[in-house]
Each structure stands twice: as C-alpha cells, then as structure tokens.
Amino acid sequence: MSFLDRYPRNPTVEELIVELRKFLGGSSKARVTGDEAAIHECIRTGLWLLRHLPVARDAVFDLISIVYEEFVQKHLNNLEEVRNPISCI
C-alpha cells in the first residue's frame, strides 16, 4: 500500500483537524519518549499535512529537522564508541 493509497486525495475538514491534532499530540509525545514507532507515525502524519494542509509546513519541517539531528547525533556517538572503546581492566 503506497502513501497516496492510504490517505484520501481531498480530505474533509474533520479529517484535517484529526490529522493536525494527531501530529501536534504525537510530535511532543514522540520526542519525549523517543519511541521510534511513534516518531515514524508522526513523520508520516506530517508528510500528509504537507500535502493537504501546506500552512503546517513550518511545524512539520521543524519536527523533521529535530528528529534528523537526534538520529545523526546518535549515529555519531555510536561511531565514536566503536573507534574509542573503553577498556575494562
């Protein structure tokens, strides 16, 4: 199932409100808990909002940049640990 098949092309006002609330609630919850599934769903909802509610783009891009920065930082920390393992004597 593709992204476009999952969501309607012309959502109703009620669907817009539901998705916007899901994004706003999910973005803070996902960032606090760090749950990757919640982050993934929030990003998916954000992409839907970009398509159907372009005025939300600043919030969506802000979340995407924060998530991307956190993942890059985790990756760099993992690389640093591999390069400089702490020896236990």
C-alpha atoms as a PDB file:
ATOM      1  CA  MET A   1       0.000   0.000   0.000  1.00  0.00           C
ATOM      2  CA  SER A   2       1.531   3.268  -1.064  1.00  0.00           C
ATOM      3  CA  PHE A   3       1.390   6.550   0.795  1.00  0.00           C
ATOM      4  CA  LEU A   4      -1.135   8.038  -1.628  1.00  0.00           C
ATOM      5  CA  ASP A   5      -3.425   4.994  -1.383  1.00  0.00           C
ATOM      6  CA  ARG A   6      -3.530   5.217   2.390  1.00  0.00           C
ATOM      7  CA  TYR A   7      -4.949   8.727   2.554  1.00  0.00           C
ATOM      8  CA  PRO A   8      -7.771  10.357   0.603  1.00  0.00           C
ATOM      9  CA  ARG A   9      -6.939  12.937  -2.042  1.00  0.00           C
ATOM     10  CA  ASN A  10      -9.490  15.515  -0.833  1.00  0.00           C
ATOM     11  CA  PRO A  11      -9.885  15.210   2.931  1.00  0.00           C
ATOM     12  CA  THR A  12     -12.803  16.708   4.780  1.00  0.00           C
ATOM     13  CA  VAL A  13     -12.355  19.467   7.337  1.00  0.00           C
ATOM     14  CA  GLU A  14     -12.875  16.907  10.092  1.00  0.00           C
ATOM     15  CA  GLU A  15     -10.089  14.707   8.685  1.00  0.00           C
ATOM     16  CA  LEU A  16      -7.760  17.699   8.523  1.00  0.00           C
ATOM     17  CA  ILE A  17      -8.471  18.522  12.152  1.00  0.00           C
ATOM     18  CA  VAL A  18      -7.962  14.915  13.255  1.00  0.00           C
ATOM     19  CA  GLU A  19      -4.627  14.633  11.452  1.00  0.00           C
ATOM     20  CA  LEU A  20      -3.448  18.007  12.733  1.00  0.00           C
ATOM     21  CA  ARG A  21      -4.313  17.051  16.317  1.00  0.00           C
ATOM     22  CA  LYS A  22      -2.599  13.687  15.847  1.00  0.00           C
ATOM     23  CA  PHE A  23       0.519  15.459  14.595  1.00  0.00           C
ATOM     24  CA  LEU A  24       0.583  18.040  17.369  1.00  0.00           C
ATOM     25  CA  GLY A  25      -0.002  15.482  20.106  1.00  0.00           C
ATOM     26  CA  GLY A  26       2.285  12.903  18.582  1.00  0.00           C
ATOM     27  CA  SER A  27       5.198  15.227  17.960  1.00  0.00           C
ATOM     28  CA  SER A  28       5.621  16.173  21.599  1.00  0.00           C
ATOM     29  CA  LYS A  29       4.950  12.634  22.842  1.00  0.00           C
ATOM     30  CA  ALA A  30       7.320  11.044  20.321  1.00  0.00           C
ATOM     31  CA  ARG A  31      10.143  13.443  21.163  1.00  0.00           C
ATOM     32  CA  VAL A  32       9.746  12.972  24.914  1.00  0.00           C
ATOM     33  CA  THR A  33       9.529   9.165  24.862  1.00  0.00           C
ATOM     34  CA  GLY A  34      11.914   8.592  21.957  1.00  0.00           C
ATOM     35  CA  ASP A  35       9.669   5.792  20.678  1.00  0.00           C
ATOM     36  CA  GLU A  36      10.760   5.170  17.089  1.00  0.00           C
ATOM     37  CA  ALA A  37       7.350   3.837  16.017  1.00  0.00           C
ATOM     38  CA  ALA A  38       5.676   6.979  17.353  1.00  0.00           C
ATOM     39  CA  ILE A  39       8.254   9.164  15.620  1.00  0.00           C
ATOM     40  CA  HIS A  40       7.709   7.294  12.352  1.00  0.00           C
ATOM     41  CA  GLU A  41       3.938   7.731  12.581  1.00  0.00           C
ATOM     42  CA  CYS A  42       4.316  11.407  13.437  1.00  0.00           C
ATOM     43  CA  ILE A  43       6.575  11.959  10.422  1.00  0.00           C
ATOM     44  CA  ARG A  44       4.055  10.129   8.220  1.00  0.00           C
ATOM     45  CA  THR A  45       1.268  12.369   9.547  1.00  0.00           C
ATOM     46  CA  GLY A  46       3.469  15.396   8.955  1.00  0.00           C
ATOM     47  CA  LEU A  47       4.014  14.392   5.337  1.00  0.00           C
ATOM     48  CA  TRP A  48       0.263  14.021   4.941  1.00  0.00           C
ATOM     49  CA  LEU A  49      -0.159  17.528   6.342  1.00  0.00           C
ATOM     50  CA  LEU A  50       2.394  18.876   3.866  1.00  0.00           C
ATOM     51  CA  ARG A  51       0.257  17.526   1.048  1.00  0.00           C
ATOM     52  CA  HIS A  52      -3.166  18.530   2.373  1.00  0.00           C
ATOM     53  CA  LEU A  53      -2.512  21.436   4.754  1.00  0.00           C
ATOM     54  CA  PRO A  54       0.550  23.313   3.475  1.00  0.00           C
ATOM     55  CA  VAL A  55       0.243  26.006   6.125  1.00  0.00           C
ATOM     56  CA  ALA A  56       1.556  23.425   8.637  1.00  0.00           C
ATOM     57  CA  ARG A  57       4.873  23.148   6.810  1.00  0.00           C
ATOM     58  CA  ASP A  58       6.936  25.095   9.364  1.00  0.00           C
ATOM     59  CA  ALA A  59       5.905  22.764  12.172  1.00  0.00           C
ATOM     60  CA  VAL A  60       6.459  19.678  10.022  1.00  0.00           C
ATOM     61  CA  PHE A  61       9.896  20.763   8.839  1.00  0.00           C
ATOM     62  CA  ASP A  62      10.831  21.746  12.384  1.00  0.00           C
ATOM     63  CA  LEU A  63       9.967  18.266  13.656  1.00  0.00           C
ATOM     64  CA  ILE A  64      11.760  16.559  10.772  1.00  0.00           C
ATOM     65  CA  SER A  65      14.906  18.605  11.391  1.00  0.00           C
ATOM     66  CA  ILE A  66      14.857  17.841  15.126  1.00  0.00           C
ATOM     67  CA  VAL A  67      14.371  14.118  14.522  1.00  0.00           C
ATOM     68  CA  TYR A  68      17.090  14.074  11.870  1.00  0.00           C
ATOM     69  CA  GLU A  69      19.506  15.898  14.158  1.00  0.00           C
ATOM     70  CA  GLU A  70      18.852  13.446  17.005  1.00  0.00           C
ATOM     71  CA  PHE A  71      19.398  10.413  14.773  1.00  0.00           C
ATOM     72  CA  VAL A  72      22.616  11.846  13.344  1.00  0.00           C
ATOM     73  CA  GLN A  73      23.870  12.590  16.867  1.00  0.00           C
ATOM     74  CA  LYS A  74      23.110   9.013  17.977  1.00  0.00           C
ATOM     75  CA  HIS A  75      24.909   7.666  14.933  1.00  0.00           C
ATOM     76  CA  LEU A  76      27.971   9.839  15.576  1.00  0.00           C
ATOM     77  CA  ASN A  77      28.022   8.767  19.226  1.00  0.00           C
ATOM     78  CA  ASN A  78      27.917   5.108  18.154  1.00  0.00           C
ATOM     79  CA  LEU A  79      30.792   5.672  15.733  1.00  0.00           C
ATOM     80  CA  GLU A  80      32.792   7.349  18.482  1.00  0.00           C
ATOM     81  CA  GLU A  81      32.207   4.400  20.828  1.00  0.00           C
ATOM     82  CA  VAL A  82      33.370   1.940  18.166  1.00  0.00           C
ATOM     83  CA  ARG A  83      36.532   3.935  17.464  1.00  0.00           C
ATOM     84  CA  ASN A  84      37.411   4.570  21.098  1.00  0.00           C
ATOM     85  CA  PRO A  85      36.226   1.601  23.178  1.00  0.00           C
ATOM     86  CA  ILE A  86      36.739   1.919  26.901  1.00  0.00           C
ATOM     87  CA  SER A  87      38.918  -0.924  28.106  1.00  0.00           C
ATOM     88  CA  CYS A  88      37.903  -2.598  31.318  1.00  0.00           C
ATOM     89  CA  ILE A  89      40.844  -3.875  33.353  1.00  0.00           C
END
